[in-house]
Amino acid sequence: MSDISIRKEGKAGRITLTRPDALNALTYDMCLAIDAALIDWVDDDEVALILIDAEGDRAFCAGGDIREIYEIGKSGDPTRARNFWRDEYRMNARLFEYPKPIVSFMQGFTMGGGVGVGCHASHRIMARSSRMAMPECGIGLVPDVGGSLILAHAPGQLGTYIGMTGARMAPGDAIHAGFADYVIPQAKWPALKADLTRSGDPNSINEAAIPAIPGNLSAMQPMIDAHFGGGSLGEILHSLRNEDSVFTTNALEVLGRNSPLSMACTIDIVRQLSTTYDVRASLELEYRFVYRALEHSDLLEGIRAAVIDKDRTPHWKHDLDALPADAVKAMLAPLGDNELTFLGDEP
């Protein structure tokens, strides 16, 4: 497959995303290929660890291929999109639960679906220039691919803030929030990859790592905690509007651009996951939203405005202050026989 390279080298199973011109955006077939490789290697004694990287300098993976999702949505039959998310989420769970070390090298941007590939690894590496984000609320989706679980366990209210605003994280912020583990200068990556491939031992990563510079989000933590602890979108907006500061003004401006339904559902998902570390629980919740997304959320309009027409003026279904009381419950209600399942998918 030209979009991804899967092979064994030395003691490593190698997965390389090879769509640099598309910022290594994940297609359905790429997700299936990653999952198949993980299944093949779990009992392969020749594979001591998995190494995941990507071609190009601009992005490890800028997300799922939302153009593909848009075309499916416009066709009027959401079945293929639902299958895409189902199989992608099963792959995300397999990465999270994998019994062998997984090392990810995340250069440039890592966003959305890229988080589901790179940030469930056991050893997550960024460069100084790397940036990470979960900008789904800006296109009418919710932070998914298991990223909601990471958000739910970020310090204080940082996860709610990152999820609602799509804030970009420098390496120090990403490590602080739980999305990454190491900063290693990109010039050292080829030698480190060669060592990992030869030895099959991830311990050499510690020797190559350098201290992370604290990011802006760490400095903003007191303000984030003060205003983003509410249990609903209305409560958070009320808190922000009751203080006149640079932080609240900027936060309100960002929230005013994003999908009200997506932000409200994000808050609820993060709150529900705060007491569990079960990645499957997070993926099940996320799947309830995406299963209904093409018909009942702002997703198609969000993709249209951001990627198709690029007019940056989405017309959301709801006003920021007029979200129906039952809207979140309707999007996150159990799916009955259509719930996401993992039977037979354990590593």
Protein backbone atom coordinates (compact mmCIF):
# COMPACT_ATOMS: atom_id res chain seq x y z
CA MET A 1 0.00 0.00 0.00
CA SER A 2 1.50 3.33 -1.06
CA ASP A 3 -0.01 5.25 1.89
CA ILE A 4 1.72 3.14 4.54
CA SER A 5 4.82 0.96 4.83
CA ILE A 6 4.66 -2.09 7.09
CA ARG A 7 7.66 -4.38 7.49
CA LYS A 8 9.97 -6.08 9.95
CA GLU A 9 13.47 -4.74 10.50
CA GLY A 10 15.81 -6.34 12.99
CA LYS A 11 13.84 -6.85 16.19
CA ALA A 12 11.22 -4.22 15.37
CA GLY A 13 7.90 -4.21 13.63
CA ARG A 14 7.96 -1.02 11.56
CA ILE A 15 4.89 1.05 10.66
CA THR A 16 5.56 4.20 8.62
CA LEU A 17 2.85 6.56 7.38
CA THR A 18 3.76 7.56 3.82
CA ARG A 19 1.29 10.29 2.80
CA PRO A 20 3.42 13.38 3.52
CA ASP A 21 1.65 15.48 0.88
CA ALA A 22 -1.63 14.81 2.73
CA LEU A 23 0.00 15.40 6.13
CA ASN A 24 -0.18 11.62 6.62
CA ALA A 25 -3.94 11.78 7.17
CA LEU A 26 -5.34 8.34 7.98
CA THR A 27 -7.53 6.57 5.47
CA TYR A 28 -9.77 3.63 6.29
CA ASP A 29 -7.36 1.25 4.57
CA MET A 30 -4.42 2.59 6.60
CA CYS A 31 -6.29 1.91 9.84
CA LEU A 32 -7.04 -1.64 8.75
CA ALA A 33 -3.40 -2.19 7.76
CA ILE A 34 -2.10 -1.00 11.14
CA ASP A 35 -4.52 -3.25 12.99
CA ALA A 36 -3.62 -6.27 10.86
CA ALA A 37 0.09 -5.72 11.50
CA LEU A 38 -0.44 -5.49 15.25
CA ILE A 39 -2.37 -8.75 15.18
CA ASP A 40 0.37 -10.45 13.14
CA TRP A 41 3.16 -9.31 15.43
CA VAL A 42 1.66 -9.91 18.86
CA ASP A 43 2.81 -13.56 18.93
CA ASP A 44 5.82 -13.10 16.64
CA ASP A 45 8.94 -13.79 18.73
CA GLU A 46 11.07 -11.97 16.16
CA VAL A 47 9.30 -8.69 16.97
CA ALA A 48 10.36 -7.26 20.33
CA LEU A 49 8.85 -3.82 19.87
CA ILE A 50 6.79 -1.76 17.45
CA LEU A 51 8.18 1.46 15.95
CA ILE A 52 5.70 3.92 14.43
CA ASP A 53 6.86 6.94 12.43
CA ALA A 54 5.95 8.96 9.36
CA GLU A 55 7.50 10.54 6.28
CA GLY A 56 7.89 14.29 5.85
CA ASP A 57 8.61 17.11 8.27
CA ARG A 58 5.20 18.81 8.42
CA ALA A 59 3.19 16.18 10.26
CA PHE A 60 3.33 12.80 11.92
CA CYS A 61 -0.40 12.61 11.23
CA ALA A 62 -2.77 15.55 10.95
CA GLY A 63 -5.83 13.39 11.64
CA GLY A 64 -8.27 11.13 9.91
CA ASP A 65 -9.06 11.73 6.26
CA ILE A 66 -12.09 13.95 6.83
CA ARG A 67 -12.56 14.51 3.11
CA GLU A 68 -13.28 10.81 2.88
CA ILE A 69 -15.78 11.12 5.74
CA TYR A 70 -17.40 14.12 4.04
CA GLU A 71 -17.90 12.29 0.76
CA ILE A 72 -19.43 9.34 2.61
CA GLY A 73 -21.72 11.69 4.50
CA LYS A 74 -22.89 13.46 1.36
CA SER A 75 -23.75 10.10 -0.21
CA GLY A 76 -26.59 9.74 2.27
CA ASP A 77 -25.46 6.35 3.60
CA PRO A 78 -23.43 6.63 6.82
CA THR A 79 -22.63 2.91 6.96
CA ARG A 80 -19.08 3.12 5.60
CA ALA A 81 -18.24 6.04 7.91
CA ARG A 82 -19.54 4.10 10.89
CA ASN A 83 -17.45 1.12 9.83
CA PHE A 84 -14.42 3.40 9.44
CA TRP A 85 -14.79 4.70 13.00
CA ARG A 86 -15.56 1.23 14.39
CA ASP A 87 -12.43 -0.30 12.92
CA GLU A 88 -10.27 2.73 13.68
CA TYR A 89 -11.37 2.64 17.32
CA ARG A 90 -10.65 -1.07 17.56
CA MET A 91 -7.16 -0.33 16.26
CA ASN A 92 -6.78 2.46 18.84
CA ALA A 93 -7.73 0.05 21.63
CA ARG A 94 -5.25 -2.53 20.37
CA LEU A 95 -2.44 0.04 20.46
CA PHE A 96 -3.39 1.13 23.98
CA GLU A 97 -3.55 -2.46 25.30
CA TYR A 98 -0.64 -3.92 23.32
CA PRO A 99 1.62 -6.21 25.38
CA LYS A 100 4.86 -5.20 23.60
CA PRO A 101 6.57 -1.79 23.75
CA ILE A 102 5.40 0.66 21.10
CA VAL A 103 7.57 3.68 20.28
CA SER A 104 6.08 6.58 18.30
CA PHE A 105 8.07 9.41 16.72
CA MET A 106 5.79 12.43 16.25
CA GLN A 107 7.27 15.28 14.23
CA GLY A 108 5.43 18.36 13.01
CA PHE A 109 1.72 18.24 13.74
CA THR A 110 -0.09 15.40 15.46
CA MET A 111 -3.83 16.00 15.55
CA GLY A 112 -7.08 14.11 15.85
CA GLY A 113 -6.70 10.62 14.43
CA GLY A 114 -2.93 10.97 14.67
CA VAL A 115 -3.33 11.09 18.44
CA GLY A 116 -5.04 7.71 18.23
CA VAL A 117 -1.98 6.22 16.51
CA GLY A 118 0.88 8.03 18.24
CA CYS A 119 -0.37 8.80 21.72
CA HIS A 120 -1.45 5.30 22.78
CA ALA A 121 2.13 4.08 22.42
CA SER A 122 4.10 3.16 25.51
CA HIS A 123 6.97 5.50 24.54
CA ARG A 124 5.78 8.74 22.89
CA ILE A 125 8.46 10.99 21.41
CA MET A 126 8.18 14.57 20.17
CA ALA A 127 10.77 16.94 18.71
CA ARG A 128 11.28 20.50 19.94
CA SER A 129 9.23 21.80 17.02
CA SER A 130 6.42 19.24 17.32
CA ARG A 131 2.89 20.43 18.05
CA MET A 132 -0.18 18.50 19.09
CA ALA A 133 -3.92 19.27 19.22
CA MET A 134 -7.38 17.79 19.34
CA PRO A 135 -9.32 20.35 17.26
CA GLU A 136 -12.45 18.25 16.67
CA CYS A 137 -14.92 20.70 18.22
CA GLY A 138 -13.97 23.13 15.45
CA ILE A 139 -15.39 20.78 12.81
CA GLY A 140 -18.42 19.55 14.73
CA LEU A 141 -16.90 16.34 16.09
CA VAL A 142 -15.70 15.44 19.60
CA PRO A 143 -12.16 14.51 20.66
CA ASP A 144 -12.11 10.82 19.79
CA VAL A 145 -9.75 7.89 18.98
CA GLY A 146 -9.44 7.40 22.74
CA GLY A 147 -8.07 10.91 23.16
CA SER A 148 -10.98 11.75 25.44
CA LEU A 149 -9.50 9.38 28.04
CA ILE A 150 -6.21 11.30 28.00
CA LEU A 151 -8.12 14.57 28.32
CA ALA A 152 -10.13 13.21 31.25
CA HIS A 153 -6.95 12.55 33.24
CA ALA A 154 -5.00 15.69 32.37
CA PRO A 155 -4.17 17.82 35.44
CA GLY A 156 -7.00 19.94 36.80
CA GLN A 157 -9.37 21.17 34.10
CA LEU A 158 -6.71 21.16 31.40
CA GLY A 159 -8.35 18.32 29.48
CA THR A 160 -11.69 20.11 29.29
CA TYR A 161 -9.94 23.25 28.05
CA ILE A 162 -7.86 21.45 25.42
CA GLY A 163 -10.85 19.46 24.22
CA MET A 164 -13.20 22.43 23.95
CA THR A 165 -10.75 24.92 22.45
CA GLY A 166 -8.49 22.67 20.37
CA ALA A 167 -5.49 24.42 21.93
CA ARG A 168 -2.16 23.53 20.34
CA MET A 169 0.34 21.92 22.67
CA ALA A 170 4.08 22.38 22.48
CA PRO A 171 6.06 19.38 23.79
CA GLY A 172 6.11 20.65 27.37
CA ASP A 173 2.34 21.09 27.31
CA ALA A 174 1.77 17.70 25.68
CA ILE A 175 3.86 15.93 28.31
CA HIS A 176 2.15 17.88 31.11
CA ALA A 177 -1.28 16.94 29.74
CA GLY A 178 -0.42 13.25 29.28
CA PHE A 179 -0.15 13.05 25.48
CA ALA A 180 3.62 12.48 25.23
CA ASP A 181 6.58 11.29 27.26
CA TYR A 182 9.84 12.55 25.76
CA VAL A 183 11.44 15.40 23.87
CA ILE A 184 14.32 14.27 21.68
CA PRO A 185 16.04 16.50 19.09
CA GLN A 186 14.93 15.35 15.65
CA ALA A 187 18.54 15.12 14.48
CA LYS A 188 18.98 12.22 16.90
CA TRP A 189 16.00 10.26 15.63
CA PRO A 190 17.72 8.25 12.85
CA ALA A 191 20.37 6.91 15.22
CA LEU A 192 17.79 6.15 17.89
CA LYS A 193 15.56 4.31 15.43
CA ALA A 194 18.53 2.28 14.26
CA ASP A 195 19.37 1.38 17.85
CA LEU A 196 15.79 0.40 18.65
CA THR A 197 15.59 -1.74 15.52
CA ARG A 198 18.86 -3.46 16.34
CA SER A 199 18.29 -4.03 20.07
CA GLY A 200 14.53 -4.25 20.43
CA ASP A 201 15.03 -2.48 23.77
CA PRO A 202 13.40 0.92 24.41
CA ASN A 203 15.63 1.79 27.38
CA SER A 204 17.96 3.81 25.14
CA ILE A 205 15.18 6.40 24.74
CA ASN A 206 15.83 7.75 28.22
CA GLU A 207 19.46 8.48 27.39
CA ALA A 208 18.53 10.52 24.31
CA ALA A 209 15.77 12.59 25.93
CA ILE A 210 16.23 16.23 26.90
CA PRO A 211 14.23 18.28 29.42
CA ALA A 212 10.96 19.69 28.09
CA ILE A 213 10.47 23.44 28.23
CA PRO A 214 7.31 24.23 30.24
CA GLY A 215 4.54 25.35 27.90
CA ASN A 216 1.98 28.14 27.98
CA LEU A 217 -0.80 25.86 29.18
CA SER A 218 1.10 25.10 32.37
CA ALA A 219 1.29 28.81 33.10
CA MET A 220 -2.42 29.18 32.35
CA GLN A 221 -3.43 26.27 34.58
CA PRO A 222 -4.80 28.38 37.47
CA MET A 223 -7.06 30.33 35.10
CA ILE A 224 -8.12 27.19 33.29
CA ASP A 225 -8.98 25.47 36.56
CA ALA A 226 -10.93 28.50 37.75
CA HIS A 227 -13.22 28.66 34.72
CA PHE A 228 -13.47 25.22 33.10
CA GLY A 229 -14.66 23.12 36.03
CA GLY A 230 -18.36 23.44 35.29
CA GLY A 231 -20.41 20.41 34.41
CA SER A 232 -22.06 22.01 31.39
CA LEU A 233 -21.31 24.40 28.55
CA GLY A 234 -23.57 27.01 30.13
CA GLU A 235 -21.74 26.89 33.45
CA ILE A 236 -18.34 27.33 31.80
CA LEU A 237 -19.59 30.21 29.67
CA HIS A 238 -21.11 31.87 32.74
CA SER A 239 -17.82 31.64 34.61
CA LEU A 240 -15.83 33.10 31.71
CA ARG A 241 -18.30 35.94 31.17
CA ASN A 242 -18.16 36.94 34.82
CA GLU A 243 -14.49 37.91 34.60
CA ASP A 244 -12.99 40.57 32.35
CA SER A 245 -9.46 39.46 31.52
CA VAL A 246 -7.29 38.66 28.54
CA PHE A 247 -7.65 34.95 29.26
CA THR A 248 -11.46 34.96 29.43
CA THR A 249 -11.77 37.20 26.38
CA ASN A 250 -9.55 34.92 24.32
CA ALA A 251 -11.29 31.77 25.59
CA LEU A 252 -14.73 33.11 24.76
CA GLU A 253 -13.59 34.07 21.28
CA VAL A 254 -12.39 30.52 20.59
CA LEU A 255 -15.50 28.90 22.07
CA GLY A 256 -17.63 31.20 19.96
CA ARG A 257 -16.16 29.66 16.81
CA ASN A 258 -16.66 26.01 17.73
CA SER A 259 -19.71 23.77 17.57
CA PRO A 260 -21.85 24.23 20.70
CA LEU A 261 -23.13 20.65 20.49
CA SER A 262 -19.61 19.25 20.17
CA MET A 263 -18.29 21.27 23.10
CA ALA A 264 -21.19 20.30 25.33
CA CYS A 265 -20.74 16.62 24.50
CA THR A 266 -16.99 16.91 25.07
CA ILE A 267 -17.57 18.22 28.58
CA ASP A 268 -19.92 15.35 29.35
CA ILE A 269 -17.56 12.71 27.95
CA VAL A 270 -14.57 14.06 29.88
CA ARG A 271 -16.59 14.17 33.10
CA GLN A 272 -17.82 10.59 32.62
CA LEU A 273 -14.30 9.27 32.04
CA SER A 274 -12.65 10.99 34.99
CA THR A 275 -13.03 7.91 37.20
CA THR A 276 -11.85 5.25 34.75
CA TYR A 277 -8.66 4.40 32.86
CA ASP A 278 -10.48 2.02 30.52
CA VAL A 279 -9.77 3.00 26.92
CA ARG A 280 -12.67 0.91 25.72
CA ALA A 281 -15.07 2.96 27.85
CA SER A 282 -13.82 6.13 26.16
CA LEU A 283 -14.07 4.66 22.67
CA GLU A 284 -17.59 3.39 23.35
CA LEU A 285 -18.71 6.87 24.39
CA GLU A 286 -17.03 8.49 21.41
CA TYR A 287 -18.57 5.95 19.07
CA ARG A 288 -22.07 6.83 20.27
CA PHE A 289 -21.44 10.38 19.07
CA VAL A 290 -19.83 9.52 15.74
CA TYR A 291 -22.43 6.85 14.95
CA ARG A 292 -25.01 9.65 14.93
CA ALA A 293 -22.68 12.38 13.70
CA LEU A 294 -23.40 12.48 9.97
CA GLU A 295 -27.14 12.73 10.55
CA HIS A 296 -27.50 14.63 13.79
CA SER A 297 -24.37 16.68 14.55
CA ASP A 298 -22.54 19.62 12.99
CA LEU A 299 -19.85 17.43 11.42
CA LEU A 300 -20.68 17.78 7.73
CA GLU A 301 -21.11 21.53 8.05
CA GLY A 302 -17.89 21.80 10.02
CA ILE A 303 -15.90 19.90 7.40
CA ARG A 304 -17.50 21.94 4.63
CA ALA A 305 -16.48 25.22 6.22
CA ALA A 306 -12.97 24.15 7.18
CA VAL A 307 -11.85 21.89 4.36
CA ILE A 308 -14.24 21.85 1.40
CA ASP A 309 -15.28 25.48 0.83
CA LYS A 310 -12.72 26.85 3.31
CA ASP A 311 -14.93 29.85 4.10
CA ARG A 312 -14.39 29.38 7.86
CA THR A 313 -18.01 30.36 8.52
CA PRO A 314 -19.83 27.24 9.70
CA HIS A 315 -23.54 27.51 10.39
CA TRP A 316 -23.97 25.39 13.49
CA LYS A 317 -27.29 23.75 14.33
CA HIS A 318 -27.49 25.54 17.69
CA ASP A 319 -26.59 28.95 19.05
CA LEU A 320 -24.02 29.00 21.83
CA ASP A 321 -26.63 29.98 24.42
CA ALA A 322 -29.56 28.01 23.03
CA LEU A 323 -28.47 24.39 23.11
CA PRO A 324 -31.50 22.18 23.92
CA ALA A 325 -31.29 20.60 27.34
CA ASP A 326 -31.54 17.06 25.95
CA ALA A 327 -29.11 17.50 23.03
CA VAL A 328 -26.10 15.96 24.77
CA LYS A 329 -28.09 13.06 26.15
CA ALA A 330 -29.45 12.31 22.69
CA MET A 331 -25.98 12.20 21.10
CA LEU A 332 -24.42 10.04 23.83
CA ALA A 333 -27.31 7.68 24.54
CA PRO A 334 -26.57 3.93 24.33
CA LEU A 335 -26.81 2.43 20.84
CA GLY A 336 -28.30 -0.92 21.80
CA ASP A 337 -27.30 -3.56 19.27
CA ASN A 338 -25.11 -0.99 17.48
CA GLU A 339 -22.78 -0.29 20.43
CA LEU A 340 -19.07 -0.51 19.66
CA THR A 341 -17.76 -3.98 20.51
CA PHE A 342 -14.28 -5.44 20.88
CA LEU A 343 -15.17 -9.14 20.99
CA GLY A 344 -12.42 -11.19 19.45
CA ASP A 345 -10.22 -8.14 19.04
CA GLU A 346 -8.05 -8.56 22.12
CA PRO A 347 -4.30 -8.63 21.44
